[in-house]
Amino acid sequence: MDERAALKEFVDAFGDDDLVRRPDRSRIEGEVGSQYLTIGEVTAGSLTFRDDDMGSGEGDCPVVGPVPVRPEIAAQARAGWRILLSAVKVGGQWGLVEVVSGDP
């Protein structure tokens, strides 16, 4: 399967049950709105994203995650993909609000 098709399948795999509702602003500890982030780490049940545009080296990049995802979604993910997403952090836990598209 070609990389773009695999990426589209990954983005399309996210359903409403995989996304969190945007909470009341007073509860939000961290937020990323409609931004491309790179998948930095994939585990069986989570993804960790980094913002390569914000740091000069890998250790300097702000991190979003780990974000819990279904194992089926994690199995489709590839480190290095850039994903256009929105995410919030509430109670110390990141959650995806929106997954729009991506670049391999």
PDB file of N, CA and C in Angstrom:
ATOM      1  N   MET A   1       0.852  -1.169   0.000  1.00  0.00           N
ATOM      2  CA  MET A   1       0.000   0.000   0.000  1.00  0.00           C
ATOM      3  C   MET A   1       0.897   1.231   0.000  1.00  0.00           C
ATOM      4  N   ASP A   2       0.531   2.209  -0.798  1.00  0.00           N
ATOM      5  CA  ASP A   2       1.377   3.400  -0.842  1.00  0.00           C
ATOM      6  C   ASP A   2       1.183   4.245   0.417  1.00  0.00           C
ATOM      7  N   GLU A   3       2.188   5.052   0.734  1.00  0.00           N
ATOM      8  CA  GLU A   3       2.241   5.806   1.988  1.00  0.00           C
ATOM      9  C   GLU A   3       1.060   6.767   2.150  1.00  0.00           C
ATOM     10  N   ARG A   4       0.688   7.457   1.083  1.00  0.00           N
ATOM     11  CA  ARG A   4      -0.438   8.407   1.171  1.00  0.00           C
ATOM     12  C   ARG A   4      -1.751   7.676   1.440  1.00  0.00           C
ATOM     13  N   ALA A   5      -1.947   6.535   0.826  1.00  0.00           N
ATOM     14  CA  ALA A   5      -3.169   5.756   1.064  1.00  0.00           C
ATOM     15  C   ALA A   5      -3.204   5.255   2.502  1.00  0.00           C
ATOM     16  N   ALA A   6      -2.068   4.805   3.013  1.00  0.00           N
ATOM     17  CA  ALA A   6      -1.998   4.334   4.396  1.00  0.00           C
ATOM     18  C   ALA A   6      -2.275   5.484   5.366  1.00  0.00           C
ATOM     19  N   LEU A   7      -1.759   6.664   5.069  1.00  0.00           N
ATOM     20  CA  LEU A   7      -1.987   7.827   5.916  1.00  0.00           C
ATOM     21  C   LEU A   7      -3.457   8.237   5.903  1.00  0.00           C
ATOM     22  N   LYS A   8      -4.084   8.233   4.732  1.00  0.00           N
ATOM     23  CA  LYS A   8      -5.505   8.575   4.638  1.00  0.00           C
ATOM     24  C   LYS A   8      -6.340   7.569   5.417  1.00  0.00           C
ATOM     25  N   GLU A   9      -6.006   6.303   5.311  1.00  0.00           N
ATOM     26  CA  GLU A   9      -6.712   5.256   6.054  1.00  0.00           C
ATOM     27  C   GLU A   9      -6.569   5.479   7.565  1.00  0.00           C
ATOM     28  N   PHE A  10      -5.377   5.876   7.991  1.00  0.00           N
ATOM     29  CA  PHE A  10      -5.132   6.174   9.403  1.00  0.00           C
ATOM     30  C   PHE A  10      -6.014   7.329   9.874  1.00  0.00           C
ATOM     31  N   VAL A  11      -6.021   8.433   9.140  1.00  0.00           N
ATOM     32  CA  VAL A  11      -6.827   9.601   9.516  1.00  0.00           C
ATOM     33  C   VAL A  11      -8.308   9.240   9.516  1.00  0.00           C
ATOM     34  N   ASP A  12      -8.750   8.499   8.514  1.00  0.00           N
ATOM     35  CA  ASP A  12     -10.156   8.113   8.412  1.00  0.00           C
ATOM     36  C   ASP A  12     -10.587   7.141   9.511  1.00  0.00           C
ATOM     37  N   ALA A  13      -9.631   6.468  10.147  1.00  0.00           N
ATOM     38  CA  ALA A  13      -9.958   5.488  11.194  1.00  0.00           C
ATOM     39  C   ALA A  13     -10.483   6.143  12.464  1.00  0.00           C
ATOM     40  N   PHE A  14     -10.190   7.444  12.651  1.00  0.00           N
ATOM     41  CA  PHE A  14     -10.664   8.146  13.834  1.00  0.00           C
ATOM     42  C   PHE A  14     -12.147   8.422  13.710  1.00  0.00           C
ATOM     43  N   GLY A  15     -12.904   7.967  14.696  1.00  0.00           N
ATOM     44  CA  GLY A  15     -14.335   8.239  14.733  1.00  0.00           C
ATOM     45  C   GLY A  15     -14.658   9.132  15.914  1.00  0.00           C
ATOM     46  N   ASP A  16     -15.913   9.496  16.038  1.00  0.00           N
ATOM     47  CA  ASP A  16     -16.334  10.374  17.126  1.00  0.00           C
ATOM     48  C   ASP A  16     -15.975   9.811  18.494  1.00  0.00           C
ATOM     49  N   ASP A  17     -16.019   8.498  18.652  1.00  0.00           N
ATOM     50  CA  ASP A  17     -15.702   7.885  19.940  1.00  0.00           C
ATOM     51  C   ASP A  17     -14.213   7.981  20.290  1.00  0.00           C
ATOM     52  N   ASP A  18     -13.373   8.262  19.297  1.00  0.00           N
ATOM     53  CA  ASP A  18     -11.930   8.371  19.523  1.00  0.00           C
ATOM     54  C   ASP A  18     -11.514   9.786  19.903  1.00  0.00           C
ATOM     55  N   LEU A  19     -12.409  10.730  19.736  1.00  0.00           N
ATOM     56  CA  LEU A  19     -12.102  12.128  19.983  1.00  0.00           C
ATOM     57  C   LEU A  19     -12.790  12.602  21.255  1.00  0.00           C
ATOM     58  N   VAL A  20     -12.195  13.590  21.910  1.00  0.00           N
ATOM     59  CA  VAL A  20     -12.784  14.149  23.126  1.00  0.00           C
ATOM     60  C   VAL A  20     -13.496  15.455  22.775  1.00  0.00           C
ATOM     61  N   ARG A  21     -14.507  15.761  23.547  1.00  0.00           N
ATOM     62  CA  ARG A  21     -15.185  17.054  23.384  1.00  0.00           C
ATOM     63  C   ARG A  21     -14.299  18.131  23.993  1.00  0.00           C
ATOM     64  N   ARG A  22     -14.313  19.288  23.379  1.00  0.00           N
ATOM     65  CA  ARG A  22     -13.521  20.396  23.913  1.00  0.00           C
ATOM     66  C   ARG A  22     -14.130  20.787  25.263  1.00  0.00           C
ATOM     67  N   PRO A  23     -13.337  20.670  26.346  1.00  0.00           N
ATOM     68  CA  PRO A  23     -13.857  20.964  27.681  1.00  0.00           C
ATOM     69  C   PRO A  23     -13.968  22.468  27.942  1.00  0.00           C
ATOM     70  N   ASP A  24     -14.572  22.806  29.038  1.00  0.00           N
ATOM     71  CA  ASP A  24     -14.649  24.178  29.497  1.00  0.00           C
ATOM     72  C   ASP A  24     -13.223  24.738  29.604  1.00  0.00           C
ATOM     73  N   ARG A  25     -13.023  25.968  29.178  1.00  0.00           N
ATOM     74  CA  ARG A  25     -11.677  26.570  29.155  1.00  0.00           C
ATOM     75  C   ARG A  25     -10.985  26.524  30.512  1.00  0.00           C
ATOM     76  N   SER A  26     -11.739  26.601  31.587  1.00  0.00           N
ATOM     77  CA  SER A  26     -11.131  26.620  32.920  1.00  0.00           C
ATOM     78  C   SER A  26     -10.464  25.295  33.267  1.00  0.00           C
ATOM     79  N   ARG A  27     -10.807  24.218  32.571  1.00  0.00           N
ATOM     80  CA  ARG A  27     -10.236  22.901  32.848  1.00  0.00           C
ATOM     81  C   ARG A  27      -9.024  22.587  31.976  1.00  0.00           C
ATOM     82  N   ILE A  28      -8.789  23.355  30.934  1.00  0.00           N
ATOM     83  CA  ILE A  28      -7.723  23.067  29.968  1.00  0.00           C
ATOM     84  C   ILE A  28      -6.358  23.462  30.528  1.00  0.00           C
ATOM     85  N   GLU A  29      -5.438  22.490  30.556  1.00  0.00           N
ATOM     86  CA  GLU A  29      -4.067  22.706  31.037  1.00  0.00           C
ATOM     87  C   GLU A  29      -3.095  22.938  29.884  1.00  0.00           C
ATOM     88  N   GLY A  30      -3.453  22.484  28.717  1.00  0.00           N
ATOM     89  CA  GLY A  30      -2.634  22.634  27.527  1.00  0.00           C
ATOM     90  C   GLY A  30      -3.529  22.473  26.311  1.00  0.00           C
ATOM     91  N   GLU A  31      -3.141  23.108  25.205  1.00  0.00           N
ATOM     92  CA  GLU A  31      -4.002  23.049  24.020  1.00  0.00           C
ATOM     93  C   GLU A  31      -3.186  23.253  22.758  1.00  0.00           C
ATOM     94  N   VAL A  32      -3.532  22.518  21.729  1.00  0.00           N
ATOM     95  CA  VAL A  32      -2.970  22.677  20.389  1.00  0.00           C
ATOM     96  C   VAL A  32      -4.171  22.790  19.459  1.00  0.00           C
ATOM     97  N   GLY A  33      -4.238  23.861  18.694  1.00  0.00           N
ATOM     98  CA  GLY A  33      -5.367  24.057  17.800  1.00  0.00           C
ATOM     99  C   GLY A  33      -4.959  24.031  16.349  1.00  0.00           C
ATOM    100  N   SER A  34      -5.531  23.124  15.586  1.00  0.00           N
ATOM    101  CA  SER A  34      -5.318  23.014  14.136  1.00  0.00           C
ATOM    102  C   SER A  34      -3.859  23.249  13.752  1.00  0.00           C
ATOM    103  N   GLN A  35      -3.015  22.328  14.152  1.00  0.00           N
ATOM    104  CA  GLN A  35      -1.573  22.435  13.917  1.00  0.00           C
ATOM    105  C   GLN A  35      -1.038  21.096  13.416  1.00  0.00           C
ATOM    106  N   TYR A  36      -0.035  21.168  12.529  1.00  0.00           N
ATOM    107  CA  TYR A  36       0.650  19.956  12.092  1.00  0.00           C
ATOM    108  C   TYR A  36       1.655  19.550  13.158  1.00  0.00           C
ATOM    109  N   LEU A  37       1.524  18.325  13.654  1.00  0.00           N
ATOM    110  CA  LEU A  37       2.493  17.747  14.578  1.00  0.00           C
ATOM    111  C   LEU A  37       2.979  16.433  13.992  1.00  0.00           C
ATOM    112  N   THR A  38       4.192  16.055  14.332  1.00  0.00           N
ATOM    113  CA  THR A  38       4.802  14.833  13.825  1.00  0.00           C
ATOM    114  C   THR A  38       4.624  13.711  14.843  1.00  0.00           C
ATOM    115  N   ILE A  39       4.217  12.542  14.363  1.00  0.00           N
ATOM    116  CA  ILE A  39       4.153  11.387  15.255  1.00  0.00           C
ATOM    117  C   ILE A  39       5.581  11.021  15.616  1.00  0.00           C
ATOM    118  N   GLY A  40       5.896  11.118  16.904  1.00  0.00           N
ATOM    119  CA  GLY A  40       7.250  10.836  17.368  1.00  0.00           C
ATOM    120  C   GLY A  40       7.398   9.446  17.928  1.00  0.00           C
ATOM    121  N   GLU A  41       6.331   8.935  18.545  1.00  0.00           N
ATOM    122  CA  GLU A  41       6.391   7.605  19.153  1.00  0.00           C
ATOM    123  C   GLU A  41       5.028   6.929  19.028  1.00  0.00           C
ATOM    124  N   VAL A  42       5.066   5.653  18.721  1.00  0.00           N
ATOM    125  CA  VAL A  42       3.855   4.840  18.612  1.00  0.00           C
ATOM    126  C   VAL A  42       3.998   3.660  19.554  1.00  0.00           C
ATOM    127  N   THR A  43       3.011   3.463  20.433  1.00  0.00           N
ATOM    128  CA  THR A  43       2.948   2.251  21.252  1.00  0.00           C
ATOM    129  C   THR A  43       1.656   1.528  20.903  1.00  0.00           C
ATOM    130  N   ALA A  44       1.423   0.400  21.532  1.00  0.00           N
ATOM    131  CA  ALA A  44       0.228  -0.391  21.225  1.00  0.00           C
ATOM    132  C   ALA A  44      -1.070   0.342  21.542  1.00  0.00           C
ATOM    133  N   GLY A  45      -1.028   1.329  22.432  1.00  0.00           N
ATOM    134  CA  GLY A  45      -2.257   2.016  22.810  1.00  0.00           C
ATOM    135  C   GLY A  45      -2.142   3.527  22.898  1.00  0.00           C
ATOM    136  N   SER A  46      -1.062   4.091  22.340  1.00  0.00           N
ATOM    137  CA  SER A  46      -0.928   5.548  22.409  1.00  0.00           C
ATOM    138  C   SER A  46      -0.021   6.084  21.303  1.00  0.00           C
ATOM    139  N   LEU A  47      -0.166   7.382  21.074  1.00  0.00           N
ATOM    140  CA  LEU A  47       0.687   8.109  20.139  1.00  0.00           C
ATOM    141  C   LEU A  47       1.252   9.319  20.871  1.00  0.00           C
ATOM    142  N   THR A  48       2.485   9.664  20.585  1.00  0.00           N
ATOM    143  CA  THR A  48       3.088  10.880  21.106  1.00  0.00           C
ATOM    144  C   THR A  48       3.504  11.722  19.913  1.00  0.00           C
ATOM    145  N   PHE A  49       3.109  12.991  19.944  1.00  0.00           N
ATOM    146  CA  PHE A  49       3.374  13.914  18.850  1.00  0.00           C
ATOM    147  C   PHE A  49       4.400  14.944  19.296  1.00  0.00           C
ATOM    148  N   ARG A  50       5.179  15.444  18.342  1.00  0.00           N
ATOM    149  CA  ARG A  50       6.132  16.507  18.631  1.00  0.00           C
ATOM    150  C   ARG A  50       5.951  17.608  17.585  1.00  0.00           C
ATOM    151  N   ASP A  51       6.329  18.798  17.977  1.00  0.00           N
ATOM    152  CA  ASP A  51       6.237  19.957  17.096  1.00  0.00           C
ATOM    153  C   ASP A  51       7.642  20.278  16.610  1.00  0.00           C
ATOM    154  N   ASP A  52       8.012  19.728  15.474  1.00  0.00           N
ATOM    155  CA  ASP A  52       9.363  19.919  14.933  1.00  0.00           C
ATOM    156  C   ASP A  52       9.664  21.375  14.601  1.00  0.00           C
ATOM    157  N   ASP A  53       8.637  22.187  14.357  1.00  0.00           N
ATOM    158  CA  ASP A  53       8.843  23.581  13.994  1.00  0.00           C
ATOM    159  C   ASP A  53       9.216  24.446  15.198  1.00  0.00           C
ATOM    160  N   MET A  54       9.014  23.925  16.421  1.00  0.00           N
ATOM    161  CA  MET A  54       9.234  24.726  17.623  1.00  0.00           C
ATOM    162  C   MET A  54      10.570  24.462  18.313  1.00  0.00           C
ATOM    163  N   GLY A  55      11.331  23.490  17.857  1.00  0.00           N
ATOM    164  CA  GLY A  55      12.592  23.192  18.529  1.00  0.00           C
ATOM    165  C   GLY A  55      13.711  23.021  17.528  1.00  0.00           C
ATOM    166  N   SER A  56      14.925  23.241  17.983  1.00  0.00           N
ATOM    167  CA  SER A  56      16.070  23.111  17.088  1.00  0.00           C
ATOM    168  C   SER A  56      16.581  21.676  17.032  1.00  0.00           C
ATOM    169  N   GLY A  57      16.274  20.899  18.078  1.00  0.00           N
ATOM    170  CA  GLY A  57      16.687  19.505  18.104  1.00  0.00           C
ATOM    171  C   GLY A  57      15.564  18.662  18.650  1.00  0.00           C
ATOM    172  N   GLU A  58      15.664  17.349  18.481  1.00  0.00           N
ATOM    173  CA  GLU A  58      14.566  16.470  18.876  1.00  0.00           C
ATOM    174  C   GLU A  58      14.204  16.625  20.347  1.00  0.00           C
ATOM    175  N   GLY A  59      15.179  16.832  21.225  1.00  0.00           N
ATOM    176  CA  GLY A  59      14.903  16.984  22.645  1.00  0.00           C
ATOM    177  C   GLY A  59      14.239  18.311  22.988  1.00  0.00           C
ATOM    178  N   ASP A  60      14.319  19.296  22.073  1.00  0.00           N
ATOM    179  CA  ASP A  60      13.751  20.616  22.319  1.00  0.00           C
ATOM    180  C   ASP A  60      12.287  20.729  21.907  1.00  0.00           C
ATOM    181  N   CYS A  61      11.766  19.772  21.174  1.00  0.00           N
ATOM    182  CA  CYS A  61      10.432  19.878  20.607  1.00  0.00           C
ATOM    183  C   CYS A  61       9.353  19.691  21.665  1.00  0.00           C
ATOM    184  N   PRO A  62       8.387  20.620  21.711  1.00  0.00           N
ATOM    185  CA  PRO A  62       7.249  20.412  22.611  1.00  0.00           C
ATOM    186  C   PRO A  62       6.535  19.108  22.261  1.00  0.00           C
ATOM    187  N   VAL A  63       5.982  18.463  23.282  1.00  0.00           N
ATOM    188  CA  VAL A  63       5.370  17.152  23.088  1.00  0.00           C
ATOM    189  C   VAL A  63       3.896  17.198  23.453  1.00  0.00           C
ATOM    190  N   VAL A  64       3.091  16.523  22.664  1.00  0.00           N
ATOM    191  CA  VAL A  64       1.679  16.296  22.963  1.00  0.00           C
ATOM    192  C   VAL A  64       1.528  14.789  23.113  1.00  0.00           C
ATOM    193  N   GLY A  65       1.240  14.374  24.317  1.00  0.00           N
ATOM    194  CA  GLY A  65       1.041  12.956  24.525  1.00  0.00           C
ATOM    195  C   GLY A  65       1.767  12.469  25.755  1.00  0.00           C
ATOM    196  N   PRO A  66       1.673  11.182  25.989  1.00  0.00           N
ATOM    197  CA  PRO A  66       1.022  10.228  25.109  1.00  0.00           C
ATOM    198  C   PRO A  66      -0.495  10.435  25.066  1.00  0.00           C
ATOM    199  N   VAL A  67      -1.047  10.239  23.874  1.00  0.00           N
ATOM    200  CA  VAL A  67      -2.481  10.345  23.633  1.00  0.00           C
ATOM    201  C   VAL A  67      -3.015   8.929  23.469  1.00  0.00           C
ATOM    202  N   PRO A  68      -3.943   8.499  24.343  1.00  0.00           N
ATOM    203  CA  PRO A  68      -4.474   7.148  24.200  1.00  0.00           C
ATOM    204  C   PRO A  68      -5.280   7.003  22.902  1.00  0.00           C
ATOM    205  N   VAL A  69      -5.042   5.903  22.202  1.00  0.00           N
ATOM    206  CA  VAL A  69      -5.799   5.565  20.992  1.00  0.00           C
ATOM    207  C   VAL A  69      -6.086   4.072  21.017  1.00  0.00           C
ATOM    208  N   ARG A  70      -7.086   3.675  20.241  1.00  0.00           N
ATOM    209  CA  ARG A  70      -7.389   2.246  20.119  1.00  0.00           C
ATOM    210  C   ARG A  70      -6.184   1.526  19.501  1.00  0.00           C
ATOM    211  N   PRO A  71      -5.961   0.274  19.887  1.00  0.00           N
ATOM    212  CA  PRO A  71      -4.839  -0.479  19.308  1.00  0.00           C
ATOM    213  C   PRO A  71      -4.883  -0.545  17.781  1.00  0.00           C
ATOM    214  N   GLU A  72      -6.083  -0.583  17.205  1.00  0.00           N
ATOM    215  CA  GLU A  72      -6.205  -0.646  15.739  1.00  0.00           C
ATOM    216  C   GLU A  72      -5.657   0.624  15.085  1.00  0.00           C
ATOM    217  N   ILE A  73      -5.885   1.760  15.730  1.00  0.00           N
ATOM    218  CA  ILE A  73      -5.360   3.018  15.200  1.00  0.00           C
ATOM    219  C   ILE A  73      -3.849   3.078  15.388  1.00  0.00           C
ATOM    220  N   ALA A  74      -3.382   2.695  16.567  1.00  0.00           N
ATOM    221  CA  ALA A  74      -1.939   2.697  16.826  1.00  0.00           C
ATOM    222  C   ALA A  74      -1.204   1.801  15.829  1.00  0.00           C
ATOM    223  N   ALA A  75      -1.804   0.680  15.469  1.00  0.00           N
ATOM    224  CA  ALA A  75      -1.161  -0.254  14.533  1.00  0.00           C
ATOM    225  C   ALA A  75      -1.005   0.353  13.143  1.00  0.00           C
ATOM    226  N   GLN A  76      -1.849   1.314  12.800  1.00  0.00           N
ATOM    227  CA  GLN A  76      -1.772   1.954  11.479  1.00  0.00           C
ATOM    228  C   GLN A  76      -0.782   3.121  11.452  1.00  0.00           C
ATOM    229  N   ALA A  77      -0.466   3.686  12.610  1.00  0.00           N
ATOM    230  CA  ALA A  77       0.362   4.900  12.694  1.00  0.00           C
ATOM    231  C   ALA A  77       1.826   4.613  12.371  1.00  0.00           C
ATOM    232  N   ARG A  78       2.475   5.610  11.818  1.00  0.00           N
ATOM    233  CA  ARG A  78       3.903   5.512  11.510  1.00  0.00           C
ATOM    234  C   ARG A  78       4.620   6.740  12.065  1.00  0.00           C
ATOM    235  N   ALA A  79       5.692   6.515  12.805  1.00  0.00           N
ATOM    236  CA  ALA A  79       6.518   7.631  13.283  1.00  0.00           C
ATOM    237  C   ALA A  79       7.004   8.428  12.084  1.00  0.00           C
ATOM    238  N   GLY A  80       6.974   9.747  12.217  1.00  0.00           N
ATOM    239  CA  GLY A  80       7.426  10.619  11.141  1.00  0.00           C
ATOM    240  C   GLY A  80       6.299  11.242  10.345  1.00  0.00           C
ATOM    241  N   TRP A  81       5.098  10.678  10.401  1.00  0.00           N
ATOM    242  CA  TRP A  81       3.964  11.285   9.708  1.00  0.00           C
ATOM    243  C   TRP A  81       3.619  12.603  10.378  1.00  0.00           C
ATOM    244  N   ARG A  82       3.306  13.617   9.579  1.00  0.00           N
ATOM    245  CA  ARG A  82       2.841  14.912  10.100  1.00  0.00           C
ATOM    246  C   ARG A  82       1.318  14.917   9.997  1.00  0.00           C
ATOM    247  N   ILE A  83       0.677  15.161  11.146  1.00  0.00           N
ATOM    248  CA  ILE A  83      -0.775  15.080  11.232  1.00  0.00           C
ATOM    249  C   ILE A  83      -1.337  16.439  11.626  1.00  0.00           C
ATOM    250  N   LEU A  84      -2.338  16.915  10.884  1.00  0.00           N
ATOM    251  CA  LEU A  84      -3.041  18.145  11.236  1.00  0.00           C
ATOM    252  C   LEU A  84      -4.105  17.772  12.262  1.00  0.00           C
ATOM    253  N   LEU A  85      -3.962  18.308  13.477  1.00  0.00           N
ATOM    254  CA  LEU A  85      -4.850  17.913  14.565  1.00  0.00           C
ATOM    255  C   LEU A  85      -5.080  19.049  15.541  1.00  0.00           C
ATOM    256  N   SER A  86      -6.055  18.849  16.405  1.00  0.00           N
ATOM    257  CA  SER A  86      -6.292  19.690  17.570  1.00  0.00           C
ATOM    258  C   SER A  86      -6.318  18.769  18.774  1.00  0.00           C
ATOM    259  N   ALA A  87      -5.749  19.216  19.896  1.00  0.00           N
ATOM    260  CA  ALA A  87      -5.686  18.396  21.106  1.00  0.00           C
ATOM    261  C   ALA A  87      -5.788  19.281  22.340  1.00  0.00           C
ATOM    262  N   VAL A  88      -6.281  18.687  23.424  1.00  0.00           N
ATOM    263  CA  VAL A  88      -6.345  19.391  24.710  1.00  0.00           C
ATOM    264  C   VAL A  88      -5.797  18.490  25.805  1.00  0.00           C
ATOM    265  N   LYS A  89      -5.296  19.140  26.851  1.00  0.00           N
ATOM    266  CA  LYS A  89      -4.799  18.415  28.016  1.00  0.00           C
ATOM    267  C   LYS A  89      -5.668  18.816  29.210  1.00  0.00           C
ATOM    268  N   VAL A  90      -6.297  17.808  29.826  1.00  0.00           N
ATOM    269  CA  VAL A  90      -7.161  18.023  30.983  1.00  0.00           C
ATOM    270  C   VAL A  90      -6.833  16.945  32.004  1.00  0.00           C
ATOM    271  N   GLY A  91      -6.638  17.348  33.240  1.00  0.00           N
ATOM    272  CA  GLY A  91      -6.321  16.375  34.284  1.00  0.00           C
ATOM    273  C   GLY A  91      -5.040  15.612  34.018  1.00  0.00           C
ATOM    274  N   GLY A  92      -4.078  16.273  33.369  1.00  0.00           N
ATOM    275  CA  GLY A  92      -2.794  15.645  33.081  1.00  0.00           C
ATOM    276  C   GLY A  92      -2.803  14.700  31.888  1.00  0.00           C
ATOM    277  N   GLN A  93      -3.941  14.561  31.208  1.00  0.00           N
ATOM    278  CA  GLN A  93      -4.077  13.619  30.089  1.00  0.00           C
ATOM    279  C   GLN A  93      -4.407  14.363  28.795  1.00  0.00           C
ATOM    280  N   TRP A  94      -3.638  14.072  27.747  1.00  0.00           N
ATOM    281  CA  TRP A  94      -3.928  14.634  26.433  1.00  0.00           C
ATOM    282  C   TRP A  94      -5.028  13.838  25.751  1.00  0.00           C
ATOM    283  N   GLY A  95      -5.861  14.528  24.993  1.00  0.00           N
ATOM    284  CA  GLY A  95      -6.886  13.885  24.174  1.00  0.00           C
ATOM    285  C   GLY A  95      -6.999  14.610  22.851  1.00  0.00           C
ATOM    286  N   LEU A  96      -7.297  13.868  21.790  1.00  0.00           N
ATOM    287  CA  LEU A  96      -7.457  14.472  20.463  1.00  0.00           C
ATOM    288  C   LEU A  96      -8.877  15.009  20.322  1.00  0.00           C
ATOM    289  N   VAL A  97      -8.994  16.241  19.864  1.00  0.00           N
ATOM    290  CA  VAL A  97     -10.281  16.870  19.620  1.00  0.00           C
ATOM    291  C   VAL A  97     -10.661  16.721  18.154  1.00  0.00           C
ATOM    292  N   GLU A  98      -9.627  16.735  17.279  1.00  0.00           N
ATOM    293  CA  GLU A  98      -9.850  16.685  15.850  1.00  0.00           C
ATOM    294  C   GLU A  98      -8.603  16.111  15.172  1.00  0.00           C
ATOM    295  N   VAL A  99      -8.817  15.246  14.201  1.00  0.00           N
ATOM    296  CA  VAL A  99      -7.742  14.734  13.345  1.00  0.00           C
ATOM    297  C   VAL A  99      -8.209  15.000  11.919  1.00  0.00           C
ATOM    298  N   VAL A 100      -7.493  15.897  11.205  1.00  0.00           N
ATOM    299  CA  VAL A 100      -7.993  16.405   9.937  1.00  0.00           C
ATOM    300  C   VAL A 100      -7.352  15.716   8.739  1.00  0.00           C
ATOM    301  N   SER A 101      -6.027  15.732   8.669  1.00  0.00           N
ATOM    302  CA  SER A 101      -5.317  15.174   7.523  1.00  0.00           C
ATOM    303  C   SER A 101      -3.868  14.962   7.897  1.00  0.00           C
ATOM    304  N   GLY A 102      -3.032  14.613   6.905  1.00  0.00           N
ATOM    305  CA  GLY A 102      -1.630  14.395   7.211  1.00  0.00           C
ATOM    306  C   GLY A 102      -0.740  14.379   5.999  1.00  0.00           C
ATOM    307  N   ASP A 103       0.565  14.384   6.262  1.00  0.00           N
ATOM    308  CA  ASP A 103       1.600  14.277   5.236  1.00  0.00           C
ATOM    309  C   ASP A 103       2.546  13.161   5.634  1.00  0.00           C
ATOM    310  N   PRO A 104       2.876  12.289   4.673  1.00  0.00           N
ATOM    311  CA  PRO A 104       3.841  11.219   5.014  1.00  0.00           C
ATOM    312  C   PRO A 104       5.245  11.769   5.180  1.00  0.00           C
TER     313      PRO A 104
END
